[in-house]
Amino acid sequence: MQYSKSTDYALHALIHLAQAEGRENIGIKPLAHSLGVSESYLSKIMSKLRQDGLVRSVTGVKGGYELARPPRDITFLDVIQVIEGRQELYVCSNLDSKQHRTYFAGPDEAPPQRHDQCLVKRVMDGAQQQMDRYLRGHTIQTVLDEAAAVRSEECSSRRTQA
């Protein structure tokens, strides 16, 4: 599975807004410029984020966008679901096939006419649940904290080399 560029831009835009949190709103033009994307494309992404309550648009001379929730309350899963949609990643297309029914028959038994469980879907649903749990456990704040830790390590490394 591959996420769209829109998800990538949405996550980076939210991180950018979180870095400026409390200091200033960021207009669509400077935000688009910093992400290297067109203003119209980013506007569509920001509109989705605003409609779902992840960002707030502020009007006026000092207007722009700001986070609508604290960075620790915006999960990667929230953003992905806003941009990509809330859909199942896997749909079993062989539920009614003879091949699928043979999984449920014993060695000397005829396959049942129908079986409502897709064993492949069980595995795929488990994978999706684990991925959702992982993405739910990582927030915009997680990225900010990790960036701060990397900066701190780099500063320490430079000081010991000097």
Protein backbone atom coordinates (compact mmCIF):
# COMPACT_ATOMS: atom_id res chain seq x y z
CA MET A 1 0.00 0.00 0.00
CA GLN A 2 1.23 3.45 -0.83
CA TYR A 3 -0.16 6.69 0.53
CA SER A 4 -0.79 9.60 -1.82
CA LYS A 5 1.36 12.71 -2.12
CA SER A 6 -1.54 14.57 -0.52
CA THR A 7 -1.03 12.63 2.72
CA ASP A 8 2.68 13.45 2.63
CA TYR A 9 1.98 17.16 2.14
CA ALA A 10 -0.74 17.14 4.82
CA LEU A 11 1.59 15.61 7.42
CA HIS A 12 4.42 18.00 6.58
CA ALA A 13 2.06 21.00 6.61
CA LEU A 14 0.79 20.03 10.07
CA ILE A 15 4.36 19.64 11.36
CA HIS A 16 5.21 23.08 9.93
CA LEU A 17 2.15 24.60 11.65
CA ALA A 18 3.04 22.86 14.92
CA GLN A 19 6.54 24.36 14.82
CA ALA A 20 4.99 27.84 14.53
CA GLU A 21 2.27 27.16 17.10
CA GLY A 22 1.63 30.07 19.42
CA ARG A 23 3.88 32.41 17.47
CA GLU A 24 2.06 32.99 14.20
CA ASN A 25 -0.45 31.72 11.69
CA ILE A 26 1.01 30.61 8.39
CA GLY A 27 -0.55 31.74 5.14
CA ILE A 28 -1.11 29.35 2.26
CA LYS A 29 1.52 31.05 0.09
CA PRO A 30 4.50 30.68 2.49
CA LEU A 31 3.31 27.22 3.52
CA ALA A 32 3.08 26.07 -0.11
CA HIS A 33 6.47 27.59 -0.85
CA SER A 34 8.13 25.83 2.09
CA LEU A 35 6.63 22.48 1.01
CA GLY A 36 7.41 22.99 -2.67
CA VAL A 37 3.83 22.52 -3.83
CA SER A 38 1.33 24.74 -5.63
CA GLU A 39 -0.96 26.94 -3.57
CA SER A 40 -4.10 25.55 -5.23
CA TYR A 41 -3.11 21.94 -4.52
CA LEU A 42 -2.23 22.70 -0.90
CA SER A 43 -5.45 24.71 -0.48
CA LYS A 44 -7.48 21.60 -1.30
CA ILE A 45 -5.52 19.57 1.25
CA MET A 46 -5.86 22.26 3.92
CA SER A 47 -9.59 22.50 3.23
CA LYS A 48 -9.97 18.78 4.03
CA LEU A 49 -7.93 19.20 7.21
CA ARG A 50 -10.05 22.20 8.21
CA GLN A 51 -13.34 20.40 7.54
CA ASP A 52 -12.24 17.56 9.81
CA GLY A 53 -11.15 19.92 12.59
CA LEU A 54 -7.39 19.40 12.41
CA VAL A 55 -6.58 22.99 11.37
CA ARG A 56 -8.32 26.32 11.67
CA SER A 57 -8.20 29.10 9.13
CA VAL A 58 -7.74 32.59 10.51
CA THR A 59 -8.90 35.53 8.41
CA GLY A 60 -7.44 39.01 8.25
CA VAL A 61 -4.09 40.64 7.61
CA LYS A 62 -2.27 38.23 9.92
CA GLY A 63 -4.45 35.35 8.77
CA GLY A 64 -3.49 31.91 7.65
CA TYR A 65 -3.68 28.47 9.17
CA GLU A 66 -3.06 27.17 12.66
CA LEU A 67 -3.59 23.85 14.37
CA ALA A 68 -7.09 23.38 15.76
CA ARG A 69 -5.86 20.82 18.30
CA PRO A 70 -2.60 20.38 20.20
CA PRO A 71 0.05 18.47 18.18
CA ARG A 72 -0.08 15.60 20.70
CA ASP A 73 -3.77 15.10 19.81
CA ILE A 74 -3.30 14.82 16.03
CA THR A 75 -2.35 11.27 15.12
CA PHE A 76 -0.92 10.04 11.85
CA LEU A 77 -4.02 7.85 11.53
CA ASP A 78 -6.27 10.94 11.84
CA VAL A 79 -4.46 12.62 8.95
CA ILE A 80 -4.38 9.52 6.74
CA GLN A 81 -8.10 8.95 7.24
CA VAL A 82 -8.91 12.57 6.40
CA ILE A 83 -6.87 12.54 3.20
CA GLU A 84 -7.16 8.93 2.02
CA GLY A 85 -10.62 8.23 3.41
CA ARG A 86 -11.80 5.75 5.98
CA GLN A 87 -11.85 2.54 4.04
CA GLU A 88 -10.90 -1.08 4.43
CA LEU A 89 -7.56 -1.87 2.86
CA TYR A 90 -8.55 -5.37 1.84
CA VAL A 91 -11.74 -6.84 0.40
CA CYS A 92 -11.99 -10.60 -0.13
CA SER A 93 -12.97 -11.19 -3.74
CA ASN A 94 -12.97 -15.00 -3.58
CA LEU A 95 -15.53 -15.58 -0.86
CA ASP A 96 -17.93 -17.36 -3.25
CA SER A 97 -15.32 -19.27 -5.27
CA LYS A 98 -15.10 -23.06 -5.25
CA GLN A 99 -11.40 -22.76 -4.31
CA HIS A 100 -12.30 -20.78 -1.20
CA ARG A 101 -14.99 -23.28 -0.16
CA THR A 102 -12.53 -26.19 -0.38
CA TYR A 103 -10.57 -24.71 2.54
CA PHE A 104 -13.48 -25.61 4.83
CA ALA A 105 -14.06 -29.18 3.63
CA GLY A 106 -12.38 -32.22 5.13
CA PRO A 107 -10.36 -34.62 2.92
CA ASP A 108 -13.38 -36.74 1.97
CA GLU A 109 -16.08 -34.08 2.20
CA ALA A 110 -17.77 -31.99 -0.44
CA PRO A 111 -17.10 -28.27 -0.05
CA PRO A 112 -19.94 -26.30 1.54
CA GLN A 113 -22.14 -24.28 -0.80
CA ARG A 114 -21.04 -21.06 0.86
CA HIS A 115 -18.80 -20.00 3.70
CA ASP A 116 -18.94 -16.49 5.13
CA GLN A 117 -15.39 -16.33 6.47
CA CYS A 118 -12.47 -15.30 4.33
CA LEU A 119 -9.31 -16.56 5.98
CA VAL A 120 -7.11 -14.26 3.92
CA LYS A 121 -9.20 -11.29 5.06
CA ARG A 122 -8.64 -12.30 8.68
CA VAL A 123 -4.88 -12.01 8.18
CA MET A 124 -5.17 -8.75 6.27
CA ASP A 125 -7.56 -7.26 8.86
CA GLY A 126 -5.07 -8.18 11.59
CA ALA A 127 -2.32 -6.39 9.68
CA GLN A 128 -4.53 -3.33 9.23
CA GLN A 129 -5.37 -3.29 12.94
CA GLN A 130 -1.68 -3.39 13.87
CA MET A 131 -0.87 -0.63 11.40
CA ASP A 132 -3.79 1.50 12.65
CA ARG A 133 -2.61 1.00 16.25
CA TYR A 134 0.94 2.04 15.27
CA LEU A 135 -0.25 5.13 13.35
CA ARG A 136 -2.61 6.04 16.21
CA GLY A 137 0.37 5.92 18.57
CA HIS A 138 2.36 8.47 16.56
CA THR A 139 1.35 12.11 16.57
CA ILE A 140 2.57 15.38 15.14
CA GLN A 141 4.17 15.96 18.57
CA THR A 142 6.03 12.65 18.23
CA VAL A 143 7.79 14.02 15.13
CA LEU A 144 8.59 17.32 16.84
CA ASP A 145 10.05 15.46 19.83
CA GLU A 146 12.13 13.22 17.59
CA ALA A 147 13.43 16.24 15.65
CA ALA A 148 14.43 17.90 18.93
CA ALA A 149 16.24 14.73 20.03
CA VAL A 150 18.15 14.54 16.73
CA ARG A 151 19.13 18.23 17.02
CA SER A 152 20.31 17.64 20.57
CA GLU A 153 22.40 14.63 19.52
CA GLU A 154 23.96 16.59 16.66
CA CYS A 155 24.83 19.50 18.96
CA SER A 156 26.42 17.11 21.47
CA SER A 157 28.36 15.43 18.68
CA ARG A 158 29.67 18.75 17.37
CA ARG A 159 30.75 19.83 20.86
CA THR A 160 32.69 16.62 21.49
CA GLN A 161 34.42 16.93 18.11
CA ALA A 162 35.53 20.48 18.79
